[in-house]
């Protein structure tokens, strides 16, 4: 597996953030941590993954949530204009 899937989407692994995992999983997919938006988190989680906030508002995908996490759309998950395929959680 790699960062990008055959269809052009980005592969992602949802991690819990309890241990350090880095920005990418051993398979090459990006690690993401789902933030709830109530606490200031910033873009990067201390585990190395990217903090994401799932938003139903399509106009904010790719922009930062007020908590600092990156907004992604609900389903299918989209970051900026790139679709995200969750390969593990």
Protein backbone atom coordinates (compact mmCIF):
# COMPACT_ATOMS: atom_id res chain seq x y z
CA UNK A 1 0.00 0.00 0.00
CA UNK A 2 1.11 3.58 -0.48
CA UNK A 3 0.01 7.10 0.37
CA UNK A 4 -2.17 7.21 -2.75
CA UNK A 5 -4.58 4.49 -3.86
CA UNK A 6 -4.95 3.40 -7.48
CA UNK A 7 -8.07 5.60 -7.85
CA UNK A 8 -6.06 8.69 -6.80
CA UNK A 9 -7.51 8.98 -3.30
CA UNK A 10 -5.26 9.23 -0.24
CA UNK A 11 -5.06 6.17 1.98
CA UNK A 12 -5.54 6.92 5.68
CA UNK A 13 -5.40 4.99 8.93
CA UNK A 14 -7.46 6.32 11.83
CA UNK A 15 -5.37 6.05 15.00
CA UNK A 16 -6.43 6.64 18.60
CA UNK A 17 -3.47 8.88 19.44
CA UNK A 18 -2.54 7.05 22.65
CA UNK A 19 0.93 6.07 21.41
CA UNK A 20 3.40 7.67 19.00
CA UNK A 21 2.81 6.44 15.45
CA UNK A 22 4.25 9.18 13.24
CA UNK A 23 2.73 10.89 10.22
CA UNK A 24 2.58 7.73 8.10
CA UNK A 25 1.78 4.14 8.94
CA UNK A 26 4.23 1.37 7.98
CA UNK A 27 2.01 0.70 4.96
CA UNK A 28 2.56 4.25 3.69
CA UNK A 29 -0.93 5.56 4.48
CA UNK A 30 -1.27 8.81 6.43
CA UNK A 31 -2.24 8.56 10.08
CA UNK A 32 -5.18 10.68 11.21
CA UNK A 33 -6.66 11.33 14.64
CA UNK A 34 -10.30 12.38 14.86
CA UNK A 35 -10.69 15.51 17.00
CA UNK A 36 -14.03 16.39 18.58
CA UNK A 37 -13.52 20.13 18.12
CA UNK A 38 -14.11 21.13 21.74
CA UNK A 39 -10.43 21.39 22.74
CA UNK A 40 -7.61 23.34 21.06
CA UNK A 41 -5.57 20.67 19.25
CA UNK A 42 -3.66 22.25 16.40
CA UNK A 43 -3.03 20.51 13.08
CA UNK A 44 -0.65 17.81 14.30
CA UNK A 45 -1.39 15.42 17.13
CA UNK A 46 1.38 14.53 19.61
CA UNK A 47 1.20 10.96 18.28
CA UNK A 48 2.40 12.25 14.90
CA UNK A 49 -0.92 11.86 13.09
CA UNK A 50 -2.89 14.73 11.58
CA UNK A 51 -5.81 16.01 13.67
CA UNK A 52 -9.01 16.01 11.62
CA UNK A 53 -12.49 17.28 12.35
CA UNK A 54 -15.37 15.77 10.38
CA UNK A 55 -17.74 18.49 9.19
CA UNK A 56 -21.05 18.25 7.36
CA UNK A 57 -20.39 21.69 5.83
CA UNK A 58 -18.84 21.01 2.42
CA UNK A 59 -17.51 24.57 2.12
CA UNK A 60 -14.96 24.15 4.93
CA UNK A 61 -13.16 20.98 3.83
CA UNK A 62 -9.42 21.53 3.79
CA UNK A 63 -9.65 24.61 6.01
CA UNK A 64 -8.81 24.52 9.68
CA UNK A 65 -11.48 24.11 12.35
CA UNK A 66 -11.30 26.74 15.14
CA UNK A 67 -9.69 24.03 17.33
CA UNK A 68 -6.81 23.82 14.82
CA UNK A 69 -7.67 20.46 13.29
CA UNK A 70 -8.11 20.10 9.53
CA UNK A 71 -11.75 19.91 8.39
CA UNK A 72 -12.73 16.96 6.21
CA UNK A 73 -16.17 16.28 4.78
CA UNK A 74 -18.39 13.58 6.24
CA UNK A 75 -18.67 10.82 3.66
CA UNK A 76 -16.99 10.29 1.39
CA UNK A 77 -14.15 11.81 3.35
CA UNK A 78 -12.58 14.64 1.35
CA UNK A 79 -9.59 16.81 2.30
CA UNK A 80 -9.38 19.89 0.05
CA UNK A 81 -10.22 18.23 -3.28
CA UNK A 82 -8.67 14.82 -2.56
CA UNK A 83 -10.85 11.91 -1.51
CA UNK A 84 -9.64 9.96 1.55
CA UNK A 85 -9.98 6.19 1.70
CA UNK A 86 -9.87 4.84 5.26
CA UNK A 87 -7.95 1.59 5.06
CA UNK A 88 -7.82 0.81 8.79
CA UNK A 89 -8.99 2.19 12.09
